Amino acid sequence: MNRRTFLAMLTALGAPGAVLAQGKAQQATLYKNPLCGCCQDHAEYLRQHGYDVREIATHDLDGIRRKLRVPEQLYGCHTILVGGYVVEGHVSAPLIDRLLRERPKIRGISLPGMPPGSPGMTGPKLEPFVIYEIGDRVEDQPRIYAVE
């Protein structure tokens, strides 16, 4: 059984994490610092959850974030573009699945910083993860999207 058939079966069964677009894995582009190993780990985590992740190493993550209008207080470890949304940091696959399924009128979502125990990060989870909405305007006050 090939990967496409396997992912199609997962989707048919309603398995979480198998986000498909017309029979193909959901495309995602992950912008990362070339020296950061946890970004690679998060990309691999997303691949294990049905995403086709392309990694782009850059020393200008701040420039990319400014262009995408991500507020500084919501900066995470890396920036992902997926399904027309910005996903900042180590957000879990089920929350990205939810974002793509519900399609809210927001720019994206963020798990700021590099919380231990989040997907791709080592260490135990020390507290609930608060994931924020990235609004259309940089000056918008961050609203909570989810708590995991």
C-alpha atoms as a PDB file:
ATOM      1  CA  MET A   1       0.000   0.000   0.000  1.00  0.00           C
ATOM      2  CA  ASN A   2       1.453   3.375  -0.971  1.00  0.00           C
ATOM      3  CA  ARG A   3       1.347   6.552   1.140  1.00  0.00           C
ATOM      4  CA  ARG A   4      -1.470   8.149  -0.889  1.00  0.00           C
ATOM      5  CA  THR A   5      -3.703   5.096  -0.480  1.00  0.00           C
ATOM      6  CA  PHE A   6      -2.926   4.919   3.223  1.00  0.00           C
ATOM      7  CA  LEU A   7      -3.750   8.616   3.780  1.00  0.00           C
ATOM      8  CA  ALA A   8      -6.948   8.310   1.750  1.00  0.00           C
ATOM      9  CA  MET A   9      -7.996   5.399   3.962  1.00  0.00           C
ATOM     10  CA  LEU A  10      -7.274   7.417   7.103  1.00  0.00           C
ATOM     11  CA  THR A  11      -9.384  10.281   5.813  1.00  0.00           C
ATOM     12  CA  ALA A  12     -12.254   7.960   4.891  1.00  0.00           C
ATOM     13  CA  LEU A  13     -12.146   6.546   8.404  1.00  0.00           C
ATOM     14  CA  GLY A  14     -12.183  10.031   9.903  1.00  0.00           C
ATOM     15  CA  ALA A  15      -8.683   9.723  11.350  1.00  0.00           C
ATOM     16  CA  PRO A  16      -7.270  12.987  12.720  1.00  0.00           C
ATOM     17  CA  GLY A  17      -4.251  14.494  11.059  1.00  0.00           C
ATOM     18  CA  ALA A  18      -4.950  13.221   7.576  1.00  0.00           C
ATOM     19  CA  VAL A  19      -5.635  16.522   5.858  1.00  0.00           C
ATOM     20  CA  LEU A  20      -5.939  15.898   2.146  1.00  0.00           C
ATOM     21  CA  ALA A  21      -6.665  18.157  -0.779  1.00  0.00           C
ATOM     22  CA  GLN A  22      -8.043  16.205  -3.754  1.00  0.00           C
ATOM     23  CA  GLY A  23      -6.270  12.995  -2.724  1.00  0.00           C
ATOM     24  CA  LYS A  24      -2.923  14.658  -1.999  1.00  0.00           C
ATOM     25  CA  ALA A  25      -1.308  15.508   1.307  1.00  0.00           C
ATOM     26  CA  GLN A  26      -1.823  19.137   2.349  1.00  0.00           C
ATOM     27  CA  GLN A  27       1.119  21.245   1.191  1.00  0.00           C
ATOM     28  CA  ALA A  28       2.928  23.297   3.845  1.00  0.00           C
ATOM     29  CA  THR A  29       5.992  25.537   3.644  1.00  0.00           C
ATOM     30  CA  LEU A  30       8.035  25.877   6.825  1.00  0.00           C
ATOM     31  CA  TYR A  31      10.457  28.821   7.086  1.00  0.00           C
ATOM     32  CA  LYS A  32      13.153  28.136   9.663  1.00  0.00           C
ATOM     33  CA  ASN A  33      16.503  29.254  10.966  1.00  0.00           C
ATOM     34  CA  PRO A  34      19.083  26.985   9.275  1.00  0.00           C
ATOM     35  CA  LEU A  35      20.715  26.249  12.642  1.00  0.00           C
ATOM     36  CA  CYS A  36      17.533  25.159  14.465  1.00  0.00           C
ATOM     37  CA  GLY A  37      16.999  21.428  14.983  1.00  0.00           C
ATOM     38  CA  CYS A  38      13.570  21.652  16.601  1.00  0.00           C
ATOM     39  CA  CYS A  39      12.160  23.177  13.394  1.00  0.00           C
ATOM     40  CA  GLN A  40      13.251  20.035  11.551  1.00  0.00           C
ATOM     41  CA  ASP A  41      11.597  17.930  14.275  1.00  0.00           C
ATOM     42  CA  HIS A  42       8.330  19.872  13.917  1.00  0.00           C
ATOM     43  CA  ALA A  43       8.429  19.429  10.129  1.00  0.00           C
ATOM     44  CA  GLU A  44       8.891  15.682  10.595  1.00  0.00           C
ATOM     45  CA  TYR A  45       6.023  15.607  13.132  1.00  0.00           C
ATOM     46  CA  LEU A  46       3.755  17.288  10.556  1.00  0.00           C
ATOM     47  CA  ARG A  47       4.822  14.801   7.878  1.00  0.00           C
ATOM     48  CA  GLN A  48       3.845  11.968  10.218  1.00  0.00           C
ATOM     49  CA  HIS A  49       0.410  13.606  10.435  1.00  0.00           C
ATOM     50  CA  GLY A  50      -0.219  13.724   6.698  1.00  0.00           C
ATOM     51  CA  TYR A  51       1.359  17.032   5.656  1.00  0.00           C
ATOM     52  CA  ASP A  52       3.730  17.465   2.722  1.00  0.00           C
ATOM     53  CA  VAL A  53       6.225  19.897   4.269  1.00  0.00           C
ATOM     54  CA  ARG A  54       8.774  21.876   2.287  1.00  0.00           C
ATOM     55  CA  GLU A  55      11.465  23.420   4.503  1.00  0.00           C
ATOM     56  CA  ILE A  56      13.118  26.712   3.616  1.00  0.00           C
ATOM     57  CA  ALA A  57      16.125  27.769   5.667  1.00  0.00           C
ATOM     58  CA  THR A  58      16.542  31.525   6.051  1.00  0.00           C
ATOM     59  CA  HIS A  59      18.343  34.020   8.245  1.00  0.00           C
ATOM     60  CA  ASP A  60      15.498  36.515   7.709  1.00  0.00           C
ATOM     61  CA  LEU A  61      12.575  35.012   9.636  1.00  0.00           C
ATOM     62  CA  ASP A  62      11.738  38.442  11.070  1.00  0.00           C
ATOM     63  CA  GLY A  63      11.456  39.861   7.549  1.00  0.00           C
ATOM     64  CA  ILE A  64       9.131  37.026   6.518  1.00  0.00           C
ATOM     65  CA  ARG A  65       7.005  37.575   9.623  1.00  0.00           C
ATOM     66  CA  ARG A  66       6.782  41.317   8.983  1.00  0.00           C
ATOM     67  CA  LYS A  67       5.729  40.651   5.390  1.00  0.00           C
ATOM     68  CA  LEU A  68       3.047  38.242   6.662  1.00  0.00           C
ATOM     69  CA  ARG A  69       2.010  40.793   9.345  1.00  0.00           C
ATOM     70  CA  VAL A  70       2.640  38.543  12.346  1.00  0.00           C
ATOM     71  CA  PRO A  71       2.780  40.639  15.559  1.00  0.00           C
ATOM     72  CA  GLU A  72       6.092  40.328  17.432  1.00  0.00           C
ATOM     73  CA  GLN A  73       4.399  39.088  20.614  1.00  0.00           C
ATOM     74  CA  LEU A  74       3.156  36.076  18.593  1.00  0.00           C
ATOM     75  CA  TYR A  75       6.527  35.085  17.095  1.00  0.00           C
ATOM     76  CA  GLY A  76       7.252  31.387  17.473  1.00  0.00           C
ATOM     77  CA  CYS A  77      10.221  29.285  16.512  1.00  0.00           C
ATOM     78  CA  HIS A  78       9.375  29.076  12.799  1.00  0.00           C
ATOM     79  CA  THR A  79       6.703  30.194  10.347  1.00  0.00           C
ATOM     80  CA  ILE A  80       4.509  27.863   8.301  1.00  0.00           C
ATOM     81  CA  LEU A  81       2.280  28.718   5.347  1.00  0.00           C
ATOM     82  CA  VAL A  82      -0.487  26.173   4.870  1.00  0.00           C
ATOM     83  CA  GLY A  83      -3.861  26.356   3.152  1.00  0.00           C
ATOM     84  CA  GLY A  84      -3.743  30.153   2.906  1.00  0.00           C
ATOM     85  CA  TYR A  85      -2.963  30.587   6.616  1.00  0.00           C
ATOM     86  CA  VAL A  86       0.106  31.494   8.656  1.00  0.00           C
ATOM     87  CA  VAL A  87       0.937  29.052  11.446  1.00  0.00           C
ATOM     88  CA  GLU A  88       3.572  30.385  13.809  1.00  0.00           C
ATOM     89  CA  GLY A  89       5.560  28.035  16.035  1.00  0.00           C
ATOM     90  CA  HIS A  90       5.085  24.482  17.297  1.00  0.00           C
ATOM     91  CA  VAL A  91       1.313  24.209  16.758  1.00  0.00           C
ATOM     92  CA  SER A  92      -0.081  20.666  16.877  1.00  0.00           C
ATOM     93  CA  ALA A  93      -1.359  18.913  13.751  1.00  0.00           C
ATOM     94  CA  PRO A  94      -4.903  18.537  15.161  1.00  0.00           C
ATOM     95  CA  LEU A  95      -5.125  22.321  15.609  1.00  0.00           C
ATOM     96  CA  ILE A  96      -3.833  22.948  12.090  1.00  0.00           C
ATOM     97  CA  ASP A  97      -6.397  20.387  10.862  1.00  0.00           C
ATOM     98  CA  ARG A  98      -9.114  22.308  12.730  1.00  0.00           C
ATOM     99  CA  LEU A  99      -7.966  25.630  11.253  1.00  0.00           C
ATOM    100  CA  LEU A 100      -8.111  24.219   7.724  1.00  0.00           C
ATOM    101  CA  ARG A 101     -11.450  22.530   8.328  1.00  0.00           C
ATOM    102  CA  GLU A 102     -13.205  25.523   9.945  1.00  0.00           C
ATOM    103  CA  ARG A 103     -11.540  28.200   7.729  1.00  0.00           C
ATOM    104  CA  PRO A 104     -12.069  31.150  10.138  1.00  0.00           C
ATOM    105  CA  LYS A 105     -11.599  34.714   8.857  1.00  0.00           C
ATOM    106  CA  ILE A 106      -8.213  35.226  10.495  1.00  0.00           C
ATOM    107  CA  ARG A 107      -4.658  35.457   9.154  1.00  0.00           C
ATOM    108  CA  GLY A 108      -3.534  32.378  11.105  1.00  0.00           C
ATOM    109  CA  ILE A 109      -2.635  30.957  14.515  1.00  0.00           C
ATOM    110  CA  SER A 110       0.389  31.029  16.803  1.00  0.00           C
ATOM    111  CA  LEU A 111       1.965  29.166  19.684  1.00  0.00           C
ATOM    112  CA  PRO A 112       4.505  31.840  20.694  1.00  0.00           C
ATOM    113  CA  GLY A 113       8.013  30.957  21.794  1.00  0.00           C
ATOM    114  CA  MET A 114       9.336  27.438  22.075  1.00  0.00           C
ATOM    115  CA  PRO A 115       7.340  25.730  24.849  1.00  0.00           C
ATOM    116  CA  PRO A 116       8.842  22.476  26.156  1.00  0.00           C
ATOM    117  CA  GLY A 117       6.757  19.432  25.287  1.00  0.00           C
ATOM    118  CA  SER A 118       5.138  20.991  22.214  1.00  0.00           C
ATOM    119  CA  PRO A 119       5.361  19.019  18.941  1.00  0.00           C
ATOM    120  CA  GLY A 120       9.013  19.039  17.894  1.00  0.00           C
ATOM    121  CA  MET A 121      10.303  20.314  21.254  1.00  0.00           C
ATOM    122  CA  THR A 122      11.978  18.142  23.848  1.00  0.00           C
ATOM    123  CA  GLY A 123      11.119  18.066  27.524  1.00  0.00           C
ATOM    124  CA  PRO A 124       7.889  17.623  29.422  1.00  0.00           C
ATOM    125  CA  LYS A 125       4.851  19.808  28.896  1.00  0.00           C
ATOM    126  CA  LEU A 126       4.918  22.238  31.828  1.00  0.00           C
ATOM    127  CA  GLU A 127       1.607  24.060  31.324  1.00  0.00           C
ATOM    128  CA  PRO A 128      -1.294  24.217  28.886  1.00  0.00           C
ATOM    129  CA  PHE A 129      -0.394  25.595  25.464  1.00  0.00           C
ATOM    130  CA  VAL A 130      -2.286  28.768  24.568  1.00  0.00           C
ATOM    131  CA  ILE A 131      -2.684  29.169  20.818  1.00  0.00           C
ATOM    132  CA  TYR A 132      -3.595  32.662  19.628  1.00  0.00           C
ATOM    133  CA  GLU A 133      -5.334  33.960  16.523  1.00  0.00           C
ATOM    134  CA  ILE A 134      -3.295  36.132  14.205  1.00  0.00           C
ATOM    135  CA  GLY A 135      -5.722  38.860  13.182  1.00  0.00           C
ATOM    136  CA  ASP A 136      -5.856  40.849   9.981  1.00  0.00           C
ATOM    137  CA  ARG A 137      -4.169  43.863  11.562  1.00  0.00           C
ATOM    138  CA  VAL A 138      -0.865  43.768  13.433  1.00  0.00           C
ATOM    139  CA  GLU A 139      -2.265  46.125  16.063  1.00  0.00           C
ATOM    140  CA  ASP A 140      -5.207  43.789  16.864  1.00  0.00           C
ATOM    141  CA  GLN A 141      -5.152  42.401  20.391  1.00  0.00           C
ATOM    142  CA  PRO A 142      -4.396  38.656  20.236  1.00  0.00           C
ATOM    143  CA  ARG A 143      -7.417  36.468  20.917  1.00  0.00           C
ATOM    144  CA  ILE A 144      -7.205  32.889  22.135  1.00  0.00           C
ATOM    145  CA  TYR A 145      -7.921  30.330  19.408  1.00  0.00           C
ATOM    146  CA  ALA A 146      -7.463  27.216  21.566  1.00  0.00           C
ATOM    147  CA  VAL A 147      -5.864  25.850  24.729  1.00  0.00           C
ATOM    148  CA  GLU A 148      -4.247  22.415  24.657  1.00  0.00           C
END
